[in-house]
Amino acid sequence: MRREPINPWEWSTKFGFSQAVEVSGFHRLLVCSAQTAVDEQAAPPASDGMESQGRAAFENLRTVLAEDGMSTDDIVKLTYYTTDVDGFRAVLRPLRAEFLGGQQVAETLIGVTRLALPELKIAIEALAAR
């Protein structure tokens, strides 16, 4: 698979993401539902901390990818939904670095009034290709 970041403006690379990612030569596309901080029994998160909920959502996404034989290296697009845009932006960079390393993917951040459960603050949706 070949992936080529598309960045007509260099400012986006300074923030660690691409305006677009051209993907070619892949055989499989995985469309992931938004992952949150719920546990394997769908229980709400124990913590209301933005960082811990973000980490749990990324871990759940990693689990979904692994179930299909993929990893975070295969992600080409992420959509973040959060009830607190400023709070999430404060923890996003280190979480992104931890889970994506240096790879730049296309990303969108959307502020929402509420997620599926009132305790949830973050949901992360992904497209992955291999």
N, C-alpha and C. Protein backbone atom coordinates (compact mmCIF):
# COMPACT_ATOMS: atom_id res chain seq x y z
N MET A 1 0.84 -1.17 0.00
CA MET A 1 0.00 0.00 0.00
C MET A 1 0.88 1.24 0.00
N ARG A 2 0.47 2.23 -0.73
CA ARG A 2 1.20 3.49 -0.78
C ARG A 2 0.31 4.56 -0.18
N ARG A 3 0.89 5.39 0.69
CA ARG A 3 0.15 6.51 1.27
C ARG A 3 0.97 7.77 1.09
N GLU A 4 0.30 8.80 0.63
CA GLU A 4 0.96 10.07 0.34
C GLU A 4 0.20 11.20 1.02
N PRO A 5 0.82 11.85 2.00
CA PRO A 5 0.17 13.00 2.62
C PRO A 5 -0.01 14.14 1.60
N ILE A 6 -1.13 14.80 1.65
CA ILE A 6 -1.42 15.94 0.78
C ILE A 6 -1.57 17.16 1.69
N ASN A 7 -0.62 18.07 1.58
CA ASN A 7 -0.61 19.26 2.44
C ASN A 7 -0.29 20.51 1.63
N PRO A 8 -1.31 21.17 1.09
CA PRO A 8 -1.03 22.39 0.35
C PRO A 8 -0.51 23.52 1.25
N TRP A 9 -0.78 23.42 2.55
CA TRP A 9 -0.31 24.42 3.51
C TRP A 9 0.51 23.70 4.56
N GLU A 10 1.70 24.16 4.80
CA GLU A 10 2.60 23.49 5.73
C GLU A 10 2.18 23.60 7.20
N TRP A 11 1.29 24.53 7.52
CA TRP A 11 0.91 24.68 8.92
C TRP A 11 0.31 23.40 9.49
N SER A 12 -0.40 22.62 8.68
CA SER A 12 -1.03 21.41 9.22
C SER A 12 0.01 20.38 9.66
N THR A 13 1.12 20.30 8.94
CA THR A 13 2.16 19.35 9.35
C THR A 13 2.76 19.74 10.70
N LYS A 14 2.81 21.03 10.99
CA LYS A 14 3.30 21.48 12.29
C LYS A 14 2.38 21.04 13.42
N PHE A 15 1.09 20.86 13.11
CA PHE A 15 0.14 20.38 14.10
C PHE A 15 0.05 18.86 14.10
N GLY A 16 0.79 18.20 13.20
CA GLY A 16 0.87 16.75 13.21
C GLY A 16 -0.17 16.01 12.40
N PHE A 17 -0.86 16.70 11.49
CA PHE A 17 -1.84 15.99 10.67
C PHE A 17 -1.73 16.43 9.22
N SER A 18 -2.38 15.71 8.34
CA SER A 18 -2.41 16.02 6.92
C SER A 18 -3.78 16.52 6.52
N GLN A 19 -3.82 17.41 5.54
CA GLN A 19 -5.10 17.86 5.00
C GLN A 19 -5.82 16.71 4.31
N ALA A 20 -5.06 15.81 3.73
CA ALA A 20 -5.60 14.62 3.07
C ALA A 20 -4.50 13.57 3.01
N VAL A 21 -4.91 12.34 2.77
CA VAL A 21 -3.95 11.25 2.57
C VAL A 21 -4.44 10.45 1.36
N GLU A 22 -3.62 10.43 0.31
CA GLU A 22 -3.94 9.61 -0.85
C GLU A 22 -3.45 8.19 -0.57
N VAL A 23 -4.35 7.23 -0.73
CA VAL A 23 -4.01 5.84 -0.47
C VAL A 23 -4.24 5.06 -1.76
N SER A 24 -3.23 4.31 -2.17
CA SER A 24 -3.38 3.48 -3.37
C SER A 24 -2.71 2.13 -3.11
N GLY A 25 -3.09 1.16 -3.91
CA GLY A 25 -2.49 -0.15 -3.80
C GLY A 25 -2.91 -0.94 -2.57
N PHE A 26 -4.04 -0.58 -1.96
CA PHE A 26 -4.49 -1.33 -0.79
C PHE A 26 -5.48 -2.41 -1.23
N HIS A 27 -5.62 -3.42 -0.39
CA HIS A 27 -6.53 -4.52 -0.69
C HIS A 27 -7.75 -4.54 0.22
N ARG A 28 -7.60 -3.91 1.38
CA ARG A 28 -8.68 -3.93 2.36
C ARG A 28 -8.88 -2.55 2.94
N LEU A 29 -10.14 -2.20 3.18
CA LEU A 29 -10.50 -0.96 3.84
C LEU A 29 -11.36 -1.33 5.05
N LEU A 30 -10.96 -0.84 6.22
CA LEU A 30 -11.72 -1.10 7.44
C LEU A 30 -12.35 0.21 7.90
N VAL A 31 -13.65 0.23 8.02
CA VAL A 31 -14.40 1.40 8.48
C VAL A 31 -14.79 1.13 9.93
N CYS A 32 -14.19 1.87 10.85
CA CYS A 32 -14.40 1.63 12.29
C CYS A 32 -15.43 2.58 12.86
N SER A 33 -16.36 2.04 13.61
CA SER A 33 -17.28 2.87 14.38
C SER A 33 -16.49 3.65 15.41
N ALA A 34 -17.06 4.74 15.87
CA ALA A 34 -16.38 5.56 16.87
C ALA A 34 -16.18 4.75 18.15
N GLN A 35 -14.95 4.77 18.64
CA GLN A 35 -14.60 4.07 19.87
C GLN A 35 -14.54 5.07 21.01
N THR A 36 -15.00 4.63 22.17
CA THR A 36 -15.04 5.49 23.35
C THR A 36 -14.28 4.81 24.49
N ALA A 37 -14.46 5.33 25.68
CA ALA A 37 -13.77 4.79 26.86
C ALA A 37 -14.57 3.72 27.58
N VAL A 38 -15.62 3.17 26.97
CA VAL A 38 -16.34 2.09 27.63
C VAL A 38 -15.47 0.85 27.69
N ASP A 39 -15.70 0.00 28.69
CA ASP A 39 -14.89 -1.21 28.80
C ASP A 39 -15.51 -2.34 27.97
N GLU A 40 -14.92 -3.54 28.07
CA GLU A 40 -15.37 -4.66 27.23
C GLU A 40 -16.80 -5.13 27.53
N GLN A 41 -17.37 -4.72 28.67
CA GLN A 41 -18.76 -5.02 28.98
C GLN A 41 -19.68 -3.81 28.72
N ALA A 42 -19.16 -2.79 28.06
CA ALA A 42 -19.89 -1.56 27.73
C ALA A 42 -20.20 -0.71 28.95
N ALA A 43 -19.44 -0.93 30.03
CA ALA A 43 -19.62 -0.09 31.23
C ALA A 43 -18.99 1.28 30.98
N PRO A 44 -19.62 2.31 31.52
CA PRO A 44 -19.06 3.67 31.36
C PRO A 44 -17.66 3.76 31.96
N PRO A 45 -16.89 4.75 31.53
CA PRO A 45 -15.53 4.90 32.05
C PRO A 45 -15.53 5.22 33.54
N ALA A 46 -14.49 4.73 34.21
CA ALA A 46 -14.35 4.98 35.65
C ALA A 46 -13.89 6.41 35.92
N SER A 47 -13.21 7.01 34.95
CA SER A 47 -12.67 8.35 35.12
C SER A 47 -13.33 9.32 34.16
N ASP A 48 -13.49 10.57 34.61
CA ASP A 48 -13.99 11.58 33.69
C ASP A 48 -12.85 12.42 33.14
N GLY A 49 -11.60 12.02 33.40
CA GLY A 49 -10.44 12.74 32.89
C GLY A 49 -10.32 12.63 31.38
N MET A 50 -10.05 13.75 30.74
CA MET A 50 -9.95 13.79 29.28
C MET A 50 -8.82 12.88 28.78
N GLU A 51 -7.67 12.94 29.41
CA GLU A 51 -6.55 12.11 28.96
C GLU A 51 -6.84 10.62 29.12
N SER A 52 -7.40 10.22 30.26
CA SER A 52 -7.67 8.80 30.47
C SER A 52 -8.76 8.30 29.52
N GLN A 53 -9.77 9.12 29.26
CA GLN A 53 -10.80 8.72 28.30
C GLN A 53 -10.24 8.66 26.88
N GLY A 54 -9.38 9.61 26.52
CA GLY A 54 -8.76 9.57 25.20
C GLY A 54 -7.89 8.35 25.02
N ARG A 55 -7.09 8.03 26.04
CA ARG A 55 -6.22 6.85 26.00
C ARG A 55 -7.07 5.57 25.86
N ALA A 56 -8.15 5.48 26.64
CA ALA A 56 -9.02 4.30 26.57
C ALA A 56 -9.68 4.17 25.19
N ALA A 57 -10.11 5.29 24.62
CA ALA A 57 -10.72 5.26 23.29
C ALA A 57 -9.70 4.80 22.25
N PHE A 58 -8.46 5.30 22.32
CA PHE A 58 -7.42 4.85 21.40
C PHE A 58 -7.12 3.37 21.61
N GLU A 59 -7.07 2.91 22.85
CA GLU A 59 -6.83 1.49 23.13
C GLU A 59 -7.95 0.63 22.55
N ASN A 60 -9.20 1.07 22.70
CA ASN A 60 -10.31 0.32 22.12
C ASN A 60 -10.23 0.30 20.60
N LEU A 61 -9.81 1.41 20.00
CA LEU A 61 -9.62 1.44 18.56
C LEU A 61 -8.52 0.46 18.16
N ARG A 62 -7.44 0.44 18.90
CA ARG A 62 -6.34 -0.51 18.63
C ARG A 62 -6.85 -1.95 18.68
N THR A 63 -7.73 -2.25 19.64
CA THR A 63 -8.30 -3.60 19.76
C THR A 63 -9.14 -3.96 18.54
N VAL A 64 -9.96 -3.02 18.08
CA VAL A 64 -10.80 -3.26 16.89
C VAL A 64 -9.90 -3.50 15.68
N LEU A 65 -8.89 -2.68 15.49
CA LEU A 65 -7.97 -2.86 14.37
C LEU A 65 -7.30 -4.23 14.42
N ALA A 66 -6.82 -4.61 15.59
CA ALA A 66 -6.12 -5.89 15.75
C ALA A 66 -7.04 -7.07 15.42
N GLU A 67 -8.32 -6.94 15.75
CA GLU A 67 -9.28 -8.02 15.46
C GLU A 67 -9.34 -8.32 13.97
N ASP A 68 -9.03 -7.32 13.15
CA ASP A 68 -9.02 -7.51 11.69
C ASP A 68 -7.59 -7.62 11.14
N GLY A 69 -6.62 -7.81 12.03
CA GLY A 69 -5.24 -7.97 11.59
C GLY A 69 -4.57 -6.68 11.18
N MET A 70 -5.10 -5.56 11.65
CA MET A 70 -4.52 -4.25 11.33
C MET A 70 -3.95 -3.62 12.59
N SER A 71 -3.28 -2.49 12.40
CA SER A 71 -2.72 -1.76 13.53
C SER A 71 -2.93 -0.27 13.30
N THR A 72 -2.49 0.53 14.24
CA THR A 72 -2.61 1.98 14.08
C THR A 72 -1.79 2.48 12.90
N ASP A 73 -0.81 1.71 12.45
CA ASP A 73 -0.04 2.08 11.25
C ASP A 73 -0.90 2.10 10.00
N ASP A 74 -2.03 1.41 10.02
CA ASP A 74 -2.91 1.32 8.86
C ASP A 74 -3.96 2.42 8.81
N ILE A 75 -4.03 3.24 9.85
CA ILE A 75 -5.03 4.32 9.89
C ILE A 75 -4.68 5.39 8.86
N VAL A 76 -5.69 5.82 8.10
CA VAL A 76 -5.50 6.91 7.14
C VAL A 76 -6.38 8.11 7.46
N LYS A 77 -7.42 7.92 8.29
CA LYS A 77 -8.34 9.02 8.63
C LYS A 77 -8.89 8.80 10.03
N LEU A 78 -8.88 9.85 10.83
CA LEU A 78 -9.49 9.84 12.16
C LEU A 78 -10.48 10.98 12.26
N THR A 79 -11.61 10.71 12.88
CA THR A 79 -12.58 11.74 13.22
C THR A 79 -12.78 11.68 14.72
N TYR A 80 -12.55 12.80 15.38
CA TYR A 80 -12.72 12.89 16.82
C TYR A 80 -14.01 13.64 17.12
N TYR A 81 -14.80 13.10 18.04
CA TYR A 81 -15.99 13.77 18.54
C TYR A 81 -15.75 14.01 20.03
N THR A 82 -15.98 15.22 20.49
CA THR A 82 -15.76 15.50 21.91
C THR A 82 -16.76 16.51 22.43
N THR A 83 -17.05 16.37 23.71
CA THR A 83 -17.95 17.31 24.38
C THR A 83 -17.17 18.51 24.91
N ASP A 84 -15.84 18.48 24.79
CA ASP A 84 -14.99 19.56 25.29
C ASP A 84 -13.80 19.74 24.34
N VAL A 85 -13.98 20.55 23.32
CA VAL A 85 -12.94 20.72 22.30
C VAL A 85 -11.64 21.22 22.90
N ASP A 86 -11.67 22.25 23.73
CA ASP A 86 -10.44 22.78 24.31
C ASP A 86 -9.75 21.76 25.21
N GLY A 87 -10.52 21.05 26.00
CA GLY A 87 -9.95 20.03 26.87
C GLY A 87 -9.31 18.91 26.09
N PHE A 88 -9.96 18.50 24.99
CA PHE A 88 -9.39 17.42 24.17
C PHE A 88 -8.15 17.89 23.42
N ARG A 89 -8.18 19.11 22.91
CA ARG A 89 -7.01 19.63 22.20
C ARG A 89 -5.79 19.68 23.12
N ALA A 90 -6.01 19.88 24.41
CA ALA A 90 -4.91 19.95 25.37
C ALA A 90 -4.20 18.60 25.54
N VAL A 91 -4.89 17.49 25.27
CA VAL A 91 -4.27 16.17 25.44
C VAL A 91 -4.07 15.43 24.12
N LEU A 92 -4.56 15.99 23.03
CA LEU A 92 -4.53 15.27 21.75
C LEU A 92 -3.13 15.01 21.24
N ARG A 93 -2.26 16.00 21.24
CA ARG A 93 -0.92 15.81 20.69
C ARG A 93 -0.16 14.65 21.32
N PRO A 94 -0.05 14.60 22.66
CA PRO A 94 0.67 13.47 23.25
C PRO A 94 -0.02 12.13 23.01
N LEU A 95 -1.35 12.11 23.00
CA LEU A 95 -2.05 10.86 22.72
C LEU A 95 -1.81 10.42 21.29
N ARG A 96 -1.89 11.37 20.36
CA ARG A 96 -1.64 11.06 18.96
C ARG A 96 -0.22 10.51 18.79
N ALA A 97 0.77 11.15 19.43
CA ALA A 97 2.15 10.68 19.33
C ALA A 97 2.30 9.27 19.90
N GLU A 98 1.63 9.01 21.01
CA GLU A 98 1.71 7.70 21.64
C GLU A 98 1.11 6.61 20.76
N PHE A 99 -0.01 6.88 20.13
CA PHE A 99 -0.71 5.84 19.37
C PHE A 99 -0.38 5.83 17.89
N LEU A 100 0.00 6.97 17.32
CA LEU A 100 0.28 7.02 15.88
C LEU A 100 1.76 7.19 15.57
N GLY A 101 2.57 7.46 16.58
CA GLY A 101 3.97 7.74 16.31
C GLY A 101 4.05 9.01 15.50
N GLY A 102 4.90 9.02 14.50
CA GLY A 102 5.07 10.21 13.68
C GLY A 102 4.20 10.25 12.45
N GLN A 103 3.37 9.22 12.22
CA GLN A 103 2.58 9.21 10.99
C GLN A 103 1.50 10.28 11.02
N GLN A 104 1.33 10.91 9.89
CA GLN A 104 0.30 11.94 9.76
C GLN A 104 -0.88 11.36 8.99
N VAL A 105 -2.05 11.50 9.57
CA VAL A 105 -3.26 11.03 8.94
C VAL A 105 -4.19 12.22 8.76
N ALA A 106 -5.19 12.07 7.92
CA ALA A 106 -6.22 13.09 7.80
C ALA A 106 -7.06 13.05 9.07
N GLU A 107 -7.35 14.22 9.64
CA GLU A 107 -8.07 14.27 10.91
C GLU A 107 -9.13 15.37 10.91
N THR A 108 -10.21 15.09 11.62
CA THR A 108 -11.26 16.08 11.83
C THR A 108 -11.67 16.04 13.30
N LEU A 109 -11.81 17.21 13.90
CA LEU A 109 -12.24 17.33 15.29
C LEU A 109 -13.58 18.04 15.32
N ILE A 110 -14.57 17.39 15.93
CA ILE A 110 -15.93 17.93 15.96
C ILE A 110 -16.40 18.04 17.41
N GLY A 111 -16.86 19.20 17.80
CA GLY A 111 -17.46 19.40 19.11
C GLY A 111 -18.92 19.01 19.08
N VAL A 112 -19.34 18.24 20.07
CA VAL A 112 -20.72 17.78 20.14
C VAL A 112 -21.29 18.09 21.53
N THR A 113 -22.58 18.14 21.62
CA THR A 113 -23.24 18.41 22.89
C THR A 113 -23.14 17.22 23.83
N ARG A 114 -23.30 16.03 23.26
CA ARG A 114 -23.29 14.82 24.08
C ARG A 114 -22.95 13.62 23.23
N LEU A 115 -22.38 12.58 23.86
CA LEU A 115 -22.10 11.31 23.19
C LEU A 115 -23.12 10.28 23.67
N ALA A 116 -22.92 9.01 23.31
CA ALA A 116 -23.90 7.96 23.58
C ALA A 116 -24.26 7.82 25.06
N LEU A 117 -23.27 7.98 25.94
CA LEU A 117 -23.51 7.94 27.38
C LEU A 117 -23.10 9.29 27.95
N PRO A 118 -23.81 9.80 28.95
CA PRO A 118 -23.49 11.13 29.46
C PRO A 118 -22.08 11.24 30.06
N GLU A 119 -21.49 10.12 30.50
CA GLU A 119 -20.14 10.14 31.08
C GLU A 119 -19.05 10.29 30.04
N LEU A 120 -19.36 9.99 28.79
CA LEU A 120 -18.34 9.99 27.73
C LEU A 120 -18.00 11.39 27.27
N LYS A 121 -16.70 11.61 27.04
CA LYS A 121 -16.23 12.91 26.55
C LYS A 121 -15.60 12.83 25.17
N ILE A 122 -15.19 11.63 24.76
CA ILE A 122 -14.47 11.46 23.50
C ILE A 122 -14.96 10.22 22.77
N ALA A 123 -15.07 10.32 21.45
CA ALA A 123 -15.29 9.16 20.57
C ALA A 123 -14.36 9.33 19.38
N ILE A 124 -13.71 8.24 18.98
CA ILE A 124 -12.72 8.30 17.89
C ILE A 124 -13.11 7.30 16.82
N GLU A 125 -13.38 7.82 15.62
CA GLU A 125 -13.77 7.03 14.45
C GLU A 125 -12.57 6.94 13.51
N ALA A 126 -12.42 5.80 12.83
CA ALA A 126 -11.23 5.64 11.98
C ALA A 126 -11.56 4.93 10.67
N LEU A 127 -10.74 5.26 9.67
CA LEU A 127 -10.65 4.50 8.43
C LEU A 127 -9.23 3.94 8.38
N ALA A 128 -9.12 2.66 8.10
CA ALA A 128 -7.80 2.03 7.99
C ALA A 128 -7.75 1.25 6.69
N ALA A 129 -6.60 1.23 6.07
CA ALA A 129 -6.42 0.52 4.81
C ALA A 129 -5.13 -0.27 4.84
N ARG A 130 -5.18 -1.41 4.18
CA ARG A 130 -3.98 -2.26 4.09
C ARG A 130 -3.96 -2.93 2.74
